[in-house]
Amino acid sequence: MNPRVKHVQPLENFRLRLTFANGEKRLFDVSPYLAYPAFKRLVNPAFFSLGHADHGTVVWPDNIDLCPDTLYLDSVREKQEDYSVDSLDKAEGS
């Protein structure tokens, strides 16, 4: 397996909307990882929102990142209704 993240959108409730190189769009819940010391800064929503795609994975300042295999295997595929205008507006805070 070699999933590569091409785009990431940090969402509310410590979730990430991920687009992989194969075109799949998936949702990943970061909240189970927040108890680990390596991810403690992500508890701050402003810091969490700094997550972005780099070298095929999601990274934050201070060398915080997640394995792309974990992002793929522990995420769920988005349903088509997740792309409605209303849901995207809510996710973007509009």
PDB file of N, CA and C in Angstrom:
ATOM      1  N   MET A   1       0.853  -1.177   0.000  1.00  0.00           N
ATOM      2  CA  MET A   1       0.000   0.000   0.000  1.00  0.00           C
ATOM      3  C   MET A   1       0.897   1.237   0.000  1.00  0.00           C
ATOM      4  N   ASN A   2       0.504   2.205  -0.802  1.00  0.00           N
ATOM      5  CA  ASN A   2       1.279   3.441  -0.875  1.00  0.00           C
ATOM      6  C   ASN A   2       0.344   4.634  -1.082  1.00  0.00           C
ATOM      7  N   PRO A   3      -0.579   4.865  -0.141  1.00  0.00           N
ATOM      8  CA  PRO A   3      -1.497   5.996  -0.309  1.00  0.00           C
ATOM      9  C   PRO A   3      -0.751   7.319  -0.147  1.00  0.00           C
ATOM     10  N   ARG A   4      -1.102   8.277  -0.977  1.00  0.00           N
ATOM     11  CA  ARG A   4      -0.466   9.587  -0.913  1.00  0.00           C
ATOM     12  C   ARG A   4      -1.540  10.654  -0.792  1.00  0.00           C
ATOM     13  N   VAL A   5      -1.444  11.486   0.222  1.00  0.00           N
ATOM     14  CA  VAL A   5      -2.396  12.578   0.417  1.00  0.00           C
ATOM     15  C   VAL A   5      -2.002  13.726  -0.510  1.00  0.00           C
ATOM     16  N   LYS A   6      -2.969  14.182  -1.309  1.00  0.00           N
ATOM     17  CA  LYS A   6      -2.736  15.309  -2.213  1.00  0.00           C
ATOM     18  C   LYS A   6      -3.306  16.611  -1.659  1.00  0.00           C
ATOM     19  N   HIS A   7      -4.380  16.511  -0.882  1.00  0.00           N
ATOM     20  CA  HIS A   7      -5.025  17.713  -0.329  1.00  0.00           C
ATOM     21  C   HIS A   7      -5.643  17.355   1.016  1.00  0.00           C
ATOM     22  N   VAL A   8      -5.603  18.301   1.937  1.00  0.00           N
ATOM     23  CA  VAL A   8      -6.221  18.100   3.255  1.00  0.00           C
ATOM     24  C   VAL A   8      -6.985  19.358   3.635  1.00  0.00           C
ATOM     25  N   GLN A   9      -8.138  19.147   4.243  1.00  0.00           N
ATOM     26  CA  GLN A   9      -8.934  20.247   4.783  1.00  0.00           C
ATOM     27  C   GLN A   9      -9.245  19.926   6.240  1.00  0.00           C
ATOM     28  N   PRO A  10      -8.622  20.635   7.186  1.00  0.00           N
ATOM     29  CA  PRO A  10      -8.976  20.439   8.594  1.00  0.00           C
ATOM     30  C   PRO A  10     -10.419  20.885   8.837  1.00  0.00           C
ATOM     31  N   LEU A  11     -11.164  20.062   9.554  1.00  0.00           N
ATOM     32  CA  LEU A  11     -12.567  20.331   9.863  1.00  0.00           C
ATOM     33  C   LEU A  11     -12.749  20.472  11.369  1.00  0.00           C
ATOM     34  N   GLU A  12     -13.964  20.796  11.769  1.00  0.00           N
ATOM     35  CA  GLU A  12     -14.285  20.853  13.197  1.00  0.00           C
ATOM     36  C   GLU A  12     -14.191  19.462  13.810  1.00  0.00           C
ATOM     37  N   ASN A  13     -14.134  19.434  15.124  1.00  0.00           N
ATOM     38  CA  ASN A  13     -14.107  18.176  15.885  1.00  0.00           C
ATOM     39  C   ASN A  13     -12.909  17.297  15.538  1.00  0.00           C
ATOM     40  N   PHE A  14     -11.805  17.938  15.186  1.00  0.00           N
ATOM     41  CA  PHE A  14     -10.539  17.240  14.945  1.00  0.00           C
ATOM     42  C   PHE A  14     -10.642  16.179  13.853  1.00  0.00           C
ATOM     43  N   ARG A  15     -11.344  16.539  12.793  1.00  0.00           N
ATOM     44  CA  ARG A  15     -11.439  15.651  11.632  1.00  0.00           C
ATOM     45  C   ARG A  15     -10.700  16.284  10.461  1.00  0.00           C
ATOM     46  N   LEU A  16     -10.256  15.430   9.558  1.00  0.00           N
ATOM     47  CA  LEU A  16      -9.583  15.874   8.343  1.00  0.00           C
ATOM     48  C   LEU A  16     -10.330  15.335   7.135  1.00  0.00           C
ATOM     49  N   ARG A  17     -10.568  16.193   6.167  1.00  0.00           N
ATOM     50  CA  ARG A  17     -11.091  15.746   4.871  1.00  0.00           C
ATOM     51  C   ARG A  17      -9.862  15.586   3.980  1.00  0.00           C
ATOM     52  N   LEU A  18      -9.639  14.368   3.519  1.00  0.00           N
ATOM     53  CA  LEU A  18      -8.437  14.033   2.758  1.00  0.00           C
ATOM     54  C   LEU A  18      -8.785  13.687   1.321  1.00  0.00           C
ATOM     55  N   THR A  19      -7.959  14.135   0.400  1.00  0.00           N
ATOM     56  CA  THR A  19      -8.039  13.695  -0.990  1.00  0.00           C
ATOM     57  C   THR A  19      -6.726  12.990  -1.293  1.00  0.00           C
ATOM     58  N   PHE A  20      -6.837  11.732  -1.712  1.00  0.00           N
ATOM     59  CA  PHE A  20      -5.660  10.928  -2.010  1.00  0.00           C
ATOM     60  C   PHE A  20      -5.320  11.007  -3.497  1.00  0.00           C
ATOM     61  N   ALA A  21      -4.112  10.611  -3.834  1.00  0.00           N
ATOM     62  CA  ALA A  21      -3.630  10.683  -5.213  1.00  0.00           C
ATOM     63  C   ALA A  21      -4.498   9.875  -6.172  1.00  0.00           C
ATOM     64  N   ASN A  22      -5.154   8.838  -5.677  1.00  0.00           N
ATOM     65  CA  ASN A  22      -6.018   8.022  -6.528  1.00  0.00           C
ATOM     66  C   ASN A  22      -7.404   8.645  -6.713  1.00  0.00           C
ATOM     67  N   GLY A  23      -7.621   9.843  -6.141  1.00  0.00           N
ATOM     68  CA  GLY A  23      -8.896  10.544  -6.278  1.00  0.00           C
ATOM     69  C   GLY A  23      -9.882  10.283  -5.158  1.00  0.00           C
ATOM     70  N   GLU A  24      -9.600   9.308  -4.307  1.00  0.00           N
ATOM     71  CA  GLU A  24     -10.515   9.023  -3.197  1.00  0.00           C
ATOM     72  C   GLU A  24     -10.562  10.179  -2.218  1.00  0.00           C
ATOM     73  N   LYS A  25     -11.763  10.450  -1.732  1.00  0.00           N
ATOM     74  CA  LYS A  25     -11.965  11.459  -0.692  1.00  0.00           C
ATOM     75  C   LYS A  25     -12.406  10.718   0.560  1.00  0.00           C
ATOM     76  N   ARG A  26     -11.687  10.970   1.658  1.00  0.00           N
ATOM     77  CA  ARG A  26     -11.934  10.224   2.884  1.00  0.00           C
ATOM     78  C   ARG A  26     -11.905  11.169   4.076  1.00  0.00           C
ATOM     79  N   LEU A  27     -12.552  10.749   5.173  1.00  0.00           N
ATOM     80  CA  LEU A  27     -12.568  11.503   6.425  1.00  0.00           C
ATOM     81  C   LEU A  27     -11.762  10.743   7.468  1.00  0.00           C
ATOM     82  N   PHE A  28     -10.917  11.465   8.180  1.00  0.00           N
ATOM     83  CA  PHE A  28     -10.072  10.872   9.211  1.00  0.00           C
ATOM     84  C   PHE A  28     -10.309  11.610  10.518  1.00  0.00           C
ATOM     85  N   ASP A  29     -10.564  10.861  11.579  1.00  0.00           N
ATOM     86  CA  ASP A  29     -10.794  11.425  12.910  1.00  0.00           C
ATOM     87  C   ASP A  29      -9.484  11.395  13.698  1.00  0.00           C
ATOM     88  N   VAL A  30      -8.951  12.565  13.986  1.00  0.00           N
ATOM     89  CA  VAL A  30      -7.680  12.672  14.708  1.00  0.00           C
ATOM     90  C   VAL A  30      -7.878  12.540  16.217  1.00  0.00           C
ATOM     91  N   SER A  31      -9.092  12.712  16.712  1.00  0.00           N
ATOM     92  CA  SER A  31      -9.321  12.783  18.163  1.00  0.00           C
ATOM     93  C   SER A  31      -8.751  11.608  18.959  1.00  0.00           C
ATOM     94  N   PRO A  32      -8.749  10.363  18.472  1.00  0.00           N
ATOM     95  CA  PRO A  32      -8.148   9.291  19.275  1.00  0.00           C
ATOM     96  C   PRO A  32      -6.642   9.466  19.512  1.00  0.00           C
ATOM     97  N   TYR A  33      -5.986  10.251  18.681  1.00  0.00           N
ATOM     98  CA  TYR A  33      -4.542  10.446  18.791  1.00  0.00           C
ATOM     99  C   TYR A  33      -4.171  11.581  19.736  1.00  0.00           C
ATOM    100  N   LEU A  34      -5.140  12.404  20.110  1.00  0.00           N
ATOM    101  CA  LEU A  34      -4.853  13.595  20.908  1.00  0.00           C
ATOM    102  C   LEU A  34      -4.355  13.279  22.319  1.00  0.00           C
ATOM    103  N   ALA A  35      -4.575  12.075  22.793  1.00  0.00           N
ATOM    104  CA  ALA A  35      -4.111  11.680  24.126  1.00  0.00           C
ATOM    105  C   ALA A  35      -2.604  11.398  24.151  1.00  0.00           C
ATOM    106  N   TYR A  36      -2.005  11.214  22.975  1.00  0.00           N
ATOM    107  CA  TYR A  36      -0.575  10.913  22.906  1.00  0.00           C
ATOM    108  C   TYR A  36       0.242  12.201  22.975  1.00  0.00           C
ATOM    109  N   PRO A  37       1.327  12.206  23.746  1.00  0.00           N
ATOM    110  CA  PRO A  37       2.150  13.419  23.891  1.00  0.00           C
ATOM    111  C   PRO A  37       2.608  14.022  22.557  1.00  0.00           C
ATOM    112  N   ALA A  38       2.903  13.192  21.581  1.00  0.00           N
ATOM    113  CA  ALA A  38       3.385  13.704  20.294  1.00  0.00           C
ATOM    114  C   ALA A  38       2.357  14.590  19.593  1.00  0.00           C
ATOM    115  N   PHE A  39       1.084  14.400  19.931  1.00  0.00           N
ATOM    116  CA  PHE A  39       0.016  15.138  19.255  1.00  0.00           C
ATOM    117  C   PHE A  39      -0.671  16.161  20.154  1.00  0.00           C
ATOM    118  N   LYS A  40      -0.109  16.448  21.331  1.00  0.00           N
ATOM    119  CA  LYS A  40      -0.799  17.301  22.301  1.00  0.00           C
ATOM    120  C   LYS A  40      -1.081  18.708  21.773  1.00  0.00           C
ATOM    121  N   ARG A  41      -0.240  19.243  20.900  1.00  0.00           N
ATOM    122  CA  ARG A  41      -0.481  20.598  20.375  1.00  0.00           C
ATOM    123  C   ARG A  41      -1.706  20.655  19.471  1.00  0.00           C
ATOM    124  N   LEU A  42      -2.110  19.521  18.918  1.00  0.00           N
ATOM    125  CA  LEU A  42      -3.260  19.504  18.016  1.00  0.00           C
ATOM    126  C   LEU A  42      -4.575  19.759  18.738  1.00  0.00           C
ATOM    127  N   VAL A  43      -4.574  19.708  20.060  1.00  0.00           N
ATOM    128  CA  VAL A  43      -5.787  19.985  20.841  1.00  0.00           C
ATOM    129  C   VAL A  43      -6.240  21.435  20.635  1.00  0.00           C
ATOM    130  N   ASN A  44      -5.312  22.313  20.334  1.00  0.00           N
ATOM    131  CA  ASN A  44      -5.628  23.710  20.058  1.00  0.00           C
ATOM    132  C   ASN A  44      -6.221  23.803  18.646  1.00  0.00           C
ATOM    133  N   PRO A  45      -7.511  24.181  18.514  1.00  0.00           N
ATOM    134  CA  PRO A  45      -8.137  24.221  17.190  1.00  0.00           C
ATOM    135  C   PRO A  45      -7.399  25.110  16.183  1.00  0.00           C
ATOM    136  N   ALA A  46      -6.836  26.220  16.638  1.00  0.00           N
ATOM    137  CA  ALA A  46      -6.101  27.097  15.719  1.00  0.00           C
ATOM    138  C   ALA A  46      -4.855  26.389  15.176  1.00  0.00           C
ATOM    139  N   PHE A  47      -4.166  25.659  16.046  1.00  0.00           N
ATOM    140  CA  PHE A  47      -2.987  24.911  15.613  1.00  0.00           C
ATOM    141  C   PHE A  47      -3.410  23.751  14.714  1.00  0.00           C
ATOM    142  N   PHE A  48      -4.477  23.055  15.092  1.00  0.00           N
ATOM    143  CA  PHE A  48      -4.972  21.933  14.288  1.00  0.00           C
ATOM    144  C   PHE A  48      -5.267  22.388  12.856  1.00  0.00           C
ATOM    145  N   SER A  49      -5.817  23.586  12.727  1.00  0.00           N
ATOM    146  CA  SER A  49      -6.202  24.092  11.404  1.00  0.00           C
ATOM    147  C   SER A  49      -5.001  24.361  10.503  1.00  0.00           C
ATOM    148  N   LEU A  50      -3.786  24.321  11.043  1.00  0.00           N
ATOM    149  CA  LEU A  50      -2.577  24.529  10.247  1.00  0.00           C
ATOM    150  C   LEU A  50      -2.146  23.275   9.485  1.00  0.00           C
ATOM    151  N   GLY A  51      -2.838  22.164   9.691  1.00  0.00           N
ATOM    152  CA  GLY A  51      -2.489  20.928   8.999  1.00  0.00           C
ATOM    153  C   GLY A  51      -2.598  21.097   7.493  1.00  0.00           C
ATOM    154  N   HIS A  52      -1.627  20.547   6.774  1.00  0.00           N
ATOM    155  CA  HIS A  52      -1.628  20.639   5.318  1.00  0.00           C
ATOM    156  C   HIS A  52      -0.916  19.416   4.725  1.00  0.00           C
ATOM    157  N   ALA A  53      -1.130  19.207   3.439  1.00  0.00           N
ATOM    158  CA  ALA A  53      -0.507  18.082   2.747  1.00  0.00           C
ATOM    159  C   ALA A  53       0.927  18.438   2.367  1.00  0.00           C
ATOM    160  N   ASP A  54       1.825  17.501   2.617  1.00  0.00           N
ATOM    161  CA  ASP A  54       3.224  17.676   2.246  1.00  0.00           C
ATOM    162  C   ASP A  54       3.858  16.295   2.099  1.00  0.00           C
ATOM    163  N   HIS A  55       4.496  16.066   0.994  1.00  0.00           N
ATOM    164  CA  HIS A  55       5.166  14.788   0.727  1.00  0.00           C
ATOM    165  C   HIS A  55       4.241  13.585   0.943  1.00  0.00           C
ATOM    166  N   GLY A  56       2.984  13.725   0.552  1.00  0.00           N
ATOM    167  CA  GLY A  56       2.066  12.596   0.575  1.00  0.00           C
ATOM    168  C   GLY A  56       1.399  12.299   1.896  1.00  0.00           C
ATOM    169  N   THR A  57       1.568  13.164   2.877  1.00  0.00           N
ATOM    170  CA  THR A  57       0.922  12.944   4.162  1.00  0.00           C
ATOM    171  C   THR A  57       0.416  14.275   4.707  1.00  0.00           C
ATOM    172  N   VAL A  58      -0.086  14.268   5.935  1.00  0.00           N
ATOM    173  CA  VAL A  58      -0.545  15.494   6.588  1.00  0.00           C
ATOM    174  C   VAL A  58       0.493  15.891   7.625  1.00  0.00           C
ATOM    175  N   VAL A  59       0.862  17.162   7.602  1.00  0.00           N
ATOM    176  CA  VAL A  59       1.870  17.666   8.535  1.00  0.00           C
ATOM    177  C   VAL A  59       1.378  18.947   9.198  1.00  0.00           C
ATOM    178  N   TRP A  60       1.947  19.209  10.371  1.00  0.00           N
ATOM    179  CA  TRP A  60       1.726  20.442  11.120  1.00  0.00           C
ATOM    180  C   TRP A  60       3.093  21.002  11.490  1.00  0.00           C
ATOM    181  N   PRO A  61       3.150  22.266  11.923  1.00  0.00           N
ATOM    182  CA  PRO A  61       4.425  22.797  12.423  1.00  0.00           C
ATOM    183  C   PRO A  61       4.970  21.924  13.565  1.00  0.00           C
ATOM    184  N   ASP A  62       6.222  22.095  13.865  1.00  0.00           N
ATOM    185  CA  ASP A  62       6.909  21.346  14.930  1.00  0.00           C
ATOM    186  C   ASP A  62       7.080  19.868  14.593  1.00  0.00           C
ATOM    187  N   ASN A  63       7.150  19.558  13.297  1.00  0.00           N
ATOM    188  CA  ASN A  63       7.403  18.183  12.841  1.00  0.00           C
ATOM    189  C   ASN A  63       6.349  17.186  13.292  1.00  0.00           C
ATOM    190  N   ILE A  64       5.118  17.610  13.396  1.00  0.00           N
ATOM    191  CA  ILE A  64       4.020  16.701  13.725  1.00  0.00           C
ATOM    192  C   ILE A  64       3.443  16.188  12.412  1.00  0.00           C
ATOM    193  N   ASP A  65       3.323  14.875  12.295  1.00  0.00           N
ATOM    194  CA  ASP A  65       2.722  14.302  11.094  1.00  0.00           C
ATOM    195  C   ASP A  65       2.071  12.968  11.417  1.00  0.00           C
ATOM    196  N   LEU A  66       1.346  12.465  10.447  1.00  0.00           N
ATOM    197  CA  LEU A  66       0.686  11.167  10.565  1.00  0.00           C
ATOM    198  C   LEU A  66       1.106  10.307   9.379  1.00  0.00           C
ATOM    199  N   CYS A  67       1.274   9.031   9.618  1.00  0.00           N
ATOM    200  CA  CYS A  67       1.654   8.084   8.576  1.00  0.00           C
ATOM    201  C   CYS A  67       0.558   8.025   7.506  1.00  0.00           C
ATOM    202  N   PRO A  68       0.918   8.109   6.222  1.00  0.00           N
ATOM    203  CA  PRO A  68      -0.112   8.050   5.185  1.00  0.00           C
ATOM    204  C   PRO A  68      -0.889   6.730   5.185  1.00  0.00           C
ATOM    205  N   ASP A  69      -0.250   5.627   5.561  1.00  0.00           N
ATOM    206  CA  ASP A  69      -0.981   4.354   5.658  1.00  0.00           C
ATOM    207  C   ASP A  69      -2.058   4.438   6.732  1.00  0.00           C
ATOM    208  N   THR A  70      -1.727   5.037   7.872  1.00  0.00           N
ATOM    209  CA  THR A  70      -2.703   5.216   8.949  1.00  0.00           C
ATOM    210  C   THR A  70      -3.848   6.098   8.480  1.00  0.00           C
ATOM    211  N   LEU A  71      -3.520   7.186   7.803  1.00  0.00           N
ATOM    212  CA  LEU A  71      -4.558   8.092   7.310  1.00  0.00           C
ATOM    213  C   LEU A  71      -5.529   7.368   6.387  1.00  0.00           C
ATOM    214  N   TYR A  72      -5.008   6.486   5.561  1.00  0.00           N
ATOM    215  CA  TYR A  72      -5.874   5.766   4.624  1.00  0.00           C
ATOM    216  C   TYR A  72      -6.653   4.646   5.318  1.00  0.00           C
ATOM    217  N   LEU A  73      -5.950   3.811   6.049  1.00  0.00           N
ATOM    218  CA  LEU A  73      -6.588   2.630   6.643  1.00  0.00           C
ATOM    219  C   LEU A  73      -7.584   2.972   7.748  1.00  0.00           C
ATOM    220  N   ASP A  74      -7.342   4.049   8.482  1.00  0.00           N
ATOM    221  CA  ASP A  74      -8.221   4.417   9.594  1.00  0.00           C
ATOM    222  C   ASP A  74      -9.217   5.514   9.233  1.00  0.00           C
ATOM    223  N   SER A  75      -9.334   5.822   7.959  1.00  0.00           N
ATOM    224  CA  SER A  75     -10.306   6.821   7.514  1.00  0.00           C
ATOM    225  C   SER A  75     -11.495   6.117   6.877  1.00  0.00           C
ATOM    226  N   VAL A  76     -12.547   6.885   6.669  1.00  0.00           N
ATOM    227  CA  VAL A  76     -13.739   6.349   6.008  1.00  0.00           C
ATOM    228  C   VAL A  76     -13.988   7.143   4.735  1.00  0.00           C
ATOM    229  N   ARG A  77     -14.479   6.437   3.748  1.00  0.00           N
ATOM    230  CA  ARG A  77     -14.789   7.087   2.479  1.00  0.00           C
ATOM    231  C   ARG A  77     -15.952   8.047   2.673  1.00  0.00           C
ATOM    232  N   GLU A  78     -15.830   9.231   2.107  1.00  0.00           N
ATOM    233  CA  GLU A  78     -16.924  10.199   2.200  1.00  0.00           C
ATOM    234  C   GLU A  78     -18.072   9.756   1.316  1.00  0.00           C
ATOM    235  N   LYS A  79     -19.275   9.998   1.798  1.00  0.00           N
ATOM    236  CA  LYS A  79     -20.469   9.721   1.007  1.00  0.00           C
ATOM    237  C   LYS A  79     -20.741  10.920   0.116  1.00  0.00           C
ATOM    238  N   GLN A  80     -21.463  10.710  -0.977  1.00  0.00           N
ATOM    239  CA  GLN A  80     -21.750  11.789  -1.918  1.00  0.00           C
ATOM    240  C   GLN A  80     -22.441  12.965  -1.237  1.00  0.00           C
ATOM    241  N   GLU A  81     -23.359  12.690  -0.283  1.00  0.00           N
ATOM    242  CA  GLU A  81     -24.067  13.794   0.373  1.00  0.00           C
ATOM    243  C   GLU A  81     -23.131  14.659   1.214  1.00  0.00           C
ATOM    244  N   ASP A  82     -21.943  14.147   1.527  1.00  0.00           N
ATOM    245  CA  ASP A  82     -20.969  14.947   2.266  1.00  0.00           C
ATOM    246  C   ASP A  82     -20.453  16.115   1.434  1.00  0.00           C
ATOM    247  N   TYR A  83     -20.738  16.103   0.123  1.00  0.00           N
ATOM    248  CA  TYR A  83     -20.265  17.165  -0.758  1.00  0.00           C
ATOM    249  C   TYR A  83     -21.333  18.198  -1.068  1.00  0.00           C
ATOM    250  N   SER A  84     -22.460  18.150  -0.386  1.00  0.00           N
ATOM    251  CA  SER A  84     -23.507  19.131  -0.646  1.00  0.00           C
ATOM    252  C   SER A  84     -22.999  20.522  -0.293  1.00  0.00           C
ATOM    253  N   VAL A  85     -23.568  21.522  -0.924  1.00  0.00           N
ATOM    254  CA  VAL A  85     -23.158  22.905  -0.679  1.00  0.00           C
ATOM    255  C   VAL A  85     -23.327  23.258   0.789  1.00  0.00           C
ATOM    256  N   ASP A  86     -24.440  22.842   1.404  1.00  0.00           N
ATOM    257  CA  ASP A  86     -24.674  23.156   2.811  1.00  0.00           C
ATOM    258  C   ASP A  86     -23.589  22.572   3.703  1.00  0.00           C
ATOM    259  N   SER A  87     -23.223  21.310   3.479  1.00  0.00           N
ATOM    260  CA  SER A  87     -22.223  20.691   4.350  1.00  0.00           C
ATOM    261  C   SER A  87     -20.851  21.315   4.140  1.00  0.00           C
ATOM    262  N   LEU A  88     -20.521  21.688   2.912  1.00  0.00           N
ATOM    263  CA  LEU A  88     -19.234  22.333   2.669  1.00  0.00           C
ATOM    264  C   LEU A  88     -19.196  23.719   3.291  1.00  0.00           C
ATOM    265  N   ASP A  89     -20.306  24.454   3.203  1.00  0.00           N
ATOM    266  CA  ASP A  89     -20.365  25.774   3.832  1.00  0.00           C
ATOM    267  C   ASP A  89     -20.177  25.659   5.337  1.00  0.00           C
ATOM    268  N   LYS A  90     -20.828  24.672   5.950  1.00  0.00           N
ATOM    269  CA  LYS A  90     -20.697  24.483   7.394  1.00  0.00           C
ATOM    270  C   LYS A  90     -19.263  24.124   7.766  1.00  0.00           C
ATOM    271  N   ALA A  91     -18.638  23.257   6.970  1.00  0.00           N
ATOM    272  CA  ALA A  91     -17.269  22.834   7.254  1.00  0.00           C
ATOM    273  C   ALA A  91     -16.292  23.997   7.147  1.00  0.00           C
ATOM    274  N   GLU A  92     -16.607  24.942   6.257  1.00  0.00           N
ATOM    275  CA  GLU A  92     -15.724  26.087   6.068  1.00  0.00           C
ATOM    276  C   GLU A  92     -16.101  27.254   6.959  1.00  0.00           C
ATOM    277  N   GLY A  93     -17.152  27.086   7.765  1.00  0.00           N
ATOM    278  CA  GLY A  93     -17.549  28.125   8.701  1.00  0.00           C
ATOM    279  C   GLY A  93     -18.330  29.260   8.080  1.00  0.00           C
ATOM    280  N   SER A  94     -18.899  29.045   6.902  1.00  0.00           N
ATOM    281  CA  SER A  94     -19.671  30.107   6.241  1.00  0.00           C
ATOM    282  C   SER A  94     -21.063  30.199   6.787  1.00  0.00           C
TER     283      SER A  94
END
